[in-house]
Amino acid sequence: MDSFGSDFSAGGSGGKIDTGTIMEQVKVQIAVANAQELLQRMTDKCFKKCIGKPGSSLDNSEQKCIAMCMDRYMDAWNTVSRTYNSRLQRERARM
Protein backbone atom coordinates (compact mmCIF):
# COMPACT_ATOMS: atom_id res chain seq x y z
CA MET A 1 0.00 0.00 0.00
CA ASP A 2 2.91 2.38 0.59
CA SER A 3 3.85 2.37 -3.09
CA PHE A 4 0.35 3.52 -4.00
CA GLY A 5 0.60 6.59 -1.80
CA SER A 6 4.06 7.42 -3.10
CA ASP A 7 2.64 8.02 -6.58
CA PHE A 8 0.71 11.00 -5.28
CA SER A 9 3.57 12.51 -3.31
CA ALA A 10 6.08 12.32 -6.15
CA GLY A 11 5.65 16.04 -6.79
CA GLY A 12 7.69 16.87 -3.69
CA SER A 13 4.73 18.25 -1.75
CA GLY A 14 5.39 16.08 1.29
CA GLY A 15 2.56 13.66 0.56
CA LYS A 16 -0.11 16.31 0.02
CA ILE A 17 -2.16 16.20 -3.15
CA ASP A 18 -2.37 19.46 -5.10
CA THR A 19 -6.09 19.52 -5.84
CA GLY A 20 -5.76 22.58 -8.09
CA THR A 21 -3.37 20.73 -10.39
CA ILE A 22 -5.57 17.65 -10.42
CA MET A 23 -8.64 19.73 -11.24
CA GLU A 24 -6.81 21.39 -14.15
CA GLN A 25 -5.72 18.00 -15.46
CA VAL A 26 -9.29 16.72 -15.23
CA LYS A 27 -10.57 19.81 -17.07
CA VAL A 28 -8.03 19.25 -19.85
CA GLN A 29 -9.00 15.58 -20.13
CA ILE A 30 -12.68 16.51 -20.32
CA ALA A 31 -11.97 19.11 -23.01
CA VAL A 32 -10.01 16.54 -25.05
CA ALA A 33 -12.80 13.98 -24.67
CA ASN A 34 -15.38 16.57 -25.77
CA ALA A 35 -13.31 17.50 -28.82
CA GLN A 36 -12.93 13.83 -29.75
CA GLU A 37 -16.67 13.28 -29.38
CA LEU A 38 -17.41 16.36 -31.50
CA LEU A 39 -15.14 15.14 -34.30
CA GLN A 40 -16.54 11.62 -34.16
CA ARG A 41 -20.17 12.76 -34.29
CA MET A 42 -19.46 15.28 -37.02
CA THR A 43 -17.64 12.65 -39.07
CA ASP A 44 -20.42 10.10 -38.66
CA LYS A 45 -23.25 12.51 -39.48
CA CYS A 46 -21.55 14.15 -42.45
CA PHE A 47 -20.40 10.83 -43.88
CA LYS A 48 -23.92 9.41 -43.70
CA LYS A 49 -25.38 12.56 -45.23
CA CYS A 50 -22.85 13.16 -48.02
CA ILE A 51 -21.33 9.86 -49.11
CA GLY A 52 -23.70 7.77 -51.19
CA LYS A 53 -21.31 5.10 -52.39
CA PRO A 54 -17.97 4.91 -50.56
CA GLY A 55 -15.03 4.52 -52.89
CA SER A 56 -11.35 5.27 -53.15
CA SER A 57 -11.92 9.02 -53.66
CA LEU A 58 -14.53 11.72 -53.20
CA ASP A 59 -16.14 13.43 -56.16
CA ASN A 60 -16.53 17.20 -56.24
CA SER A 61 -20.12 17.22 -54.94
CA GLU A 62 -19.20 14.95 -52.02
CA GLN A 63 -16.29 17.21 -51.09
CA LYS A 64 -18.53 20.28 -51.13
CA CYS A 65 -21.24 18.50 -49.15
CA ILE A 66 -18.76 17.40 -46.48
CA ALA A 67 -17.24 20.87 -46.20
CA MET A 68 -20.65 22.53 -45.86
CA CYS A 69 -21.89 19.86 -43.44
CA MET A 70 -18.84 20.28 -41.21
CA ASP A 71 -19.19 24.07 -41.28
CA ARG A 72 -22.86 23.89 -40.30
CA TYR A 73 -22.14 21.32 -37.59
CA MET A 74 -19.38 23.50 -36.10
CA ASP A 75 -21.59 26.61 -36.26
CA ALA A 76 -24.39 24.79 -34.47
CA TRP A 77 -21.98 23.38 -31.87
CA ASN A 78 -20.55 26.84 -31.20
CA THR A 79 -24.02 28.39 -30.90
CA VAL A 80 -25.15 25.74 -28.44
CA SER A 81 -21.91 26.05 -26.45
CA ARG A 82 -22.18 29.86 -26.19
CA THR A 83 -25.82 29.65 -25.15
CA TYR A 84 -25.10 26.94 -22.59
CA ASN A 85 -22.17 28.88 -21.11
CA SER A 86 -24.17 32.09 -20.83
CA ARG A 87 -26.98 30.21 -19.14
CA LEU A 88 -24.52 28.70 -16.66
CA GLN A 89 -23.15 32.16 -15.91
CA ARG A 90 -26.66 33.52 -15.29
CA GLU A 91 -27.44 30.60 -12.99
CA ARG A 92 -24.20 31.12 -11.05
CA ALA A 93 -24.95 34.84 -10.71
CA ARG A 94 -28.32 34.03 -9.11
CA MET A 95 -26.64 31.95 -6.41
C-alpha atoms as a PDB file:
ATOM      1  CA  MET A   1       0.000   0.000   0.000  1.00  0.00           C
ATOM      2  CA  ASP A   2       2.914   2.378   0.594  1.00  0.00           C
ATOM      3  CA  SER A   3       3.849   2.372  -3.086  1.00  0.00           C
ATOM      4  CA  PHE A   4       0.345   3.523  -4.003  1.00  0.00           C
ATOM      5  CA  GLY A   5       0.598   6.592  -1.799  1.00  0.00           C
ATOM      6  CA  SER A   6       4.064   7.422  -3.102  1.00  0.00           C
ATOM      7  CA  ASP A   7       2.637   8.021  -6.584  1.00  0.00           C
ATOM      8  CA  PHE A   8       0.715  10.996  -5.275  1.00  0.00           C
ATOM      9  CA  SER A   9       3.572  12.507  -3.306  1.00  0.00           C
ATOM     10  CA  ALA A  10       6.084  12.321  -6.149  1.00  0.00           C
ATOM     11  CA  GLY A  11       5.651  16.035  -6.789  1.00  0.00           C
ATOM     12  CA  GLY A  12       7.687  16.874  -3.690  1.00  0.00           C
ATOM     13  CA  SER A  13       4.729  18.246  -1.750  1.00  0.00           C
ATOM     14  CA  GLY A  14       5.391  16.085   1.290  1.00  0.00           C
ATOM     15  CA  GLY A  15       2.555  13.660   0.561  1.00  0.00           C
ATOM     16  CA  LYS A  16      -0.113  16.313   0.018  1.00  0.00           C
ATOM     17  CA  ILE A  17      -2.162  16.203  -3.150  1.00  0.00           C
ATOM     18  CA  ASP A  18      -2.368  19.458  -5.100  1.00  0.00           C
ATOM     19  CA  THR A  19      -6.091  19.521  -5.838  1.00  0.00           C
ATOM     20  CA  GLY A  20      -5.757  22.577  -8.087  1.00  0.00           C
ATOM     21  CA  THR A  21      -3.368  20.732 -10.388  1.00  0.00           C
ATOM     22  CA  ILE A  22      -5.566  17.652 -10.415  1.00  0.00           C
ATOM     23  CA  MET A  23      -8.643  19.729 -11.236  1.00  0.00           C
ATOM     24  CA  GLU A  24      -6.814  21.389 -14.146  1.00  0.00           C
ATOM     25  CA  GLN A  25      -5.723  17.996 -15.457  1.00  0.00           C
ATOM     26  CA  VAL A  26      -9.293  16.718 -15.231  1.00  0.00           C
ATOM     27  CA  LYS A  27     -10.572  19.808 -17.070  1.00  0.00           C
ATOM     28  CA  VAL A  28      -8.028  19.248 -19.848  1.00  0.00           C
ATOM     29  CA  GLN A  29      -8.999  15.582 -20.126  1.00  0.00           C
ATOM     30  CA  ILE A  30     -12.684  16.514 -20.318  1.00  0.00           C
ATOM     31  CA  ALA A  31     -11.967  19.107 -23.013  1.00  0.00           C
ATOM     32  CA  VAL A  32     -10.010  16.543 -25.050  1.00  0.00           C
ATOM     33  CA  ALA A  33     -12.797  13.982 -24.670  1.00  0.00           C
ATOM     34  CA  ASN A  34     -15.382  16.568 -25.766  1.00  0.00           C
ATOM     35  CA  ALA A  35     -13.314  17.500 -28.817  1.00  0.00           C
ATOM     36  CA  GLN A  36     -12.927  13.834 -29.752  1.00  0.00           C
ATOM     37  CA  GLU A  37     -16.666  13.283 -29.379  1.00  0.00           C
ATOM     38  CA  LEU A  38     -17.408  16.357 -31.501  1.00  0.00           C
ATOM     39  CA  LEU A  39     -15.138  15.141 -34.297  1.00  0.00           C
ATOM     40  CA  GLN A  40     -16.541  11.617 -34.158  1.00  0.00           C
ATOM     41  CA  ARG A  41     -20.171  12.763 -34.289  1.00  0.00           C
ATOM     42  CA  MET A  42     -19.462  15.278 -37.024  1.00  0.00           C
ATOM     43  CA  THR A  43     -17.637  12.651 -39.075  1.00  0.00           C
ATOM     44  CA  ASP A  44     -20.423  10.103 -38.659  1.00  0.00           C
ATOM     45  CA  LYS A  45     -23.248  12.507 -39.478  1.00  0.00           C
ATOM     46  CA  CYS A  46     -21.551  14.151 -42.454  1.00  0.00           C
ATOM     47  CA  PHE A  47     -20.399  10.827 -43.879  1.00  0.00           C
ATOM     48  CA  LYS A  48     -23.919   9.406 -43.703  1.00  0.00           C
ATOM     49  CA  LYS A  49     -25.375  12.555 -45.231  1.00  0.00           C
ATOM     50  CA  CYS A  50     -22.846  13.160 -48.019  1.00  0.00           C
ATOM     51  CA  ILE A  51     -21.333   9.859 -49.108  1.00  0.00           C
ATOM     52  CA  GLY A  52     -23.702   7.773 -51.188  1.00  0.00           C
ATOM     53  CA  LYS A  53     -21.312   5.102 -52.392  1.00  0.00           C
ATOM     54  CA  PRO A  54     -17.970   4.908 -50.560  1.00  0.00           C
ATOM     55  CA  GLY A  55     -15.029   4.515 -52.890  1.00  0.00           C
ATOM     56  CA  SER A  56     -11.355   5.272 -53.149  1.00  0.00           C
ATOM     57  CA  SER A  57     -11.920   9.016 -53.657  1.00  0.00           C
ATOM     58  CA  LEU A  58     -14.531  11.716 -53.204  1.00  0.00           C
ATOM     59  CA  ASP A  59     -16.141  13.430 -56.155  1.00  0.00           C
ATOM     60  CA  ASN A  60     -16.534  17.204 -56.236  1.00  0.00           C
ATOM     61  CA  SER A  61     -20.117  17.220 -54.937  1.00  0.00           C
ATOM     62  CA  GLU A  62     -19.205  14.951 -52.019  1.00  0.00           C
ATOM     63  CA  GLN A  63     -16.291  17.210 -51.093  1.00  0.00           C
ATOM     64  CA  LYS A  64     -18.531  20.284 -51.132  1.00  0.00           C
ATOM     65  CA  CYS A  65     -21.239  18.505 -49.147  1.00  0.00           C
ATOM     66  CA  ILE A  66     -18.763  17.400 -46.475  1.00  0.00           C
ATOM     67  CA  ALA A  67     -17.244  20.873 -46.204  1.00  0.00           C
ATOM     68  CA  MET A  68     -20.654  22.526 -45.859  1.00  0.00           C
ATOM     69  CA  CYS A  69     -21.893  19.858 -43.436  1.00  0.00           C
ATOM     70  CA  MET A  70     -18.841  20.278 -41.211  1.00  0.00           C
ATOM     71  CA  ASP A  71     -19.191  24.072 -41.283  1.00  0.00           C
ATOM     72  CA  ARG A  72     -22.865  23.886 -40.299  1.00  0.00           C
ATOM     73  CA  TYR A  73     -22.136  21.320 -37.591  1.00  0.00           C
ATOM     74  CA  MET A  74     -19.379  23.497 -36.098  1.00  0.00           C
ATOM     75  CA  ASP A  75     -21.590  26.610 -36.263  1.00  0.00           C
ATOM     76  CA  ALA A  76     -24.389  24.787 -34.470  1.00  0.00           C
ATOM     77  CA  TRP A  77     -21.977  23.383 -31.869  1.00  0.00           C
ATOM     78  CA  ASN A  78     -20.549  26.843 -31.198  1.00  0.00           C
ATOM     79  CA  THR A  79     -24.019  28.394 -30.900  1.00  0.00           C
ATOM     80  CA  VAL A  80     -25.154  25.741 -28.437  1.00  0.00           C
ATOM     81  CA  SER A  81     -21.905  26.052 -26.447  1.00  0.00           C
ATOM     82  CA  ARG A  82     -22.176  29.855 -26.186  1.00  0.00           C
ATOM     83  CA  THR A  83     -25.822  29.647 -25.151  1.00  0.00           C
ATOM     84  CA  TYR A  84     -25.100  26.943 -22.588  1.00  0.00           C
ATOM     85  CA  ASN A  85     -22.174  28.876 -21.109  1.00  0.00           C
ATOM     86  CA  SER A  86     -24.167  32.094 -20.834  1.00  0.00           C
ATOM     87  CA  ARG A  87     -26.985  30.205 -19.136  1.00  0.00           C
ATOM     88  CA  LEU A  88     -24.523  28.695 -16.665  1.00  0.00           C
ATOM     89  CA  GLN A  89     -23.151  32.157 -15.908  1.00  0.00           C
ATOM     90  CA  ARG A  90     -26.662  33.517 -15.288  1.00  0.00           C
ATOM     91  CA  GLU A  91     -27.440  30.597 -12.994  1.00  0.00           C
ATOM     92  CA  ARG A  92     -24.201  31.123 -11.048  1.00  0.00           C
ATOM     93  CA  ALA A  93     -24.952  34.837 -10.711  1.00  0.00           C
ATOM     94  CA  ARG A  94     -28.319  34.025  -9.113  1.00  0.00           C
ATOM     95  CA  MET A  95     -26.643  31.950  -6.410  1.00  0.00           C
END
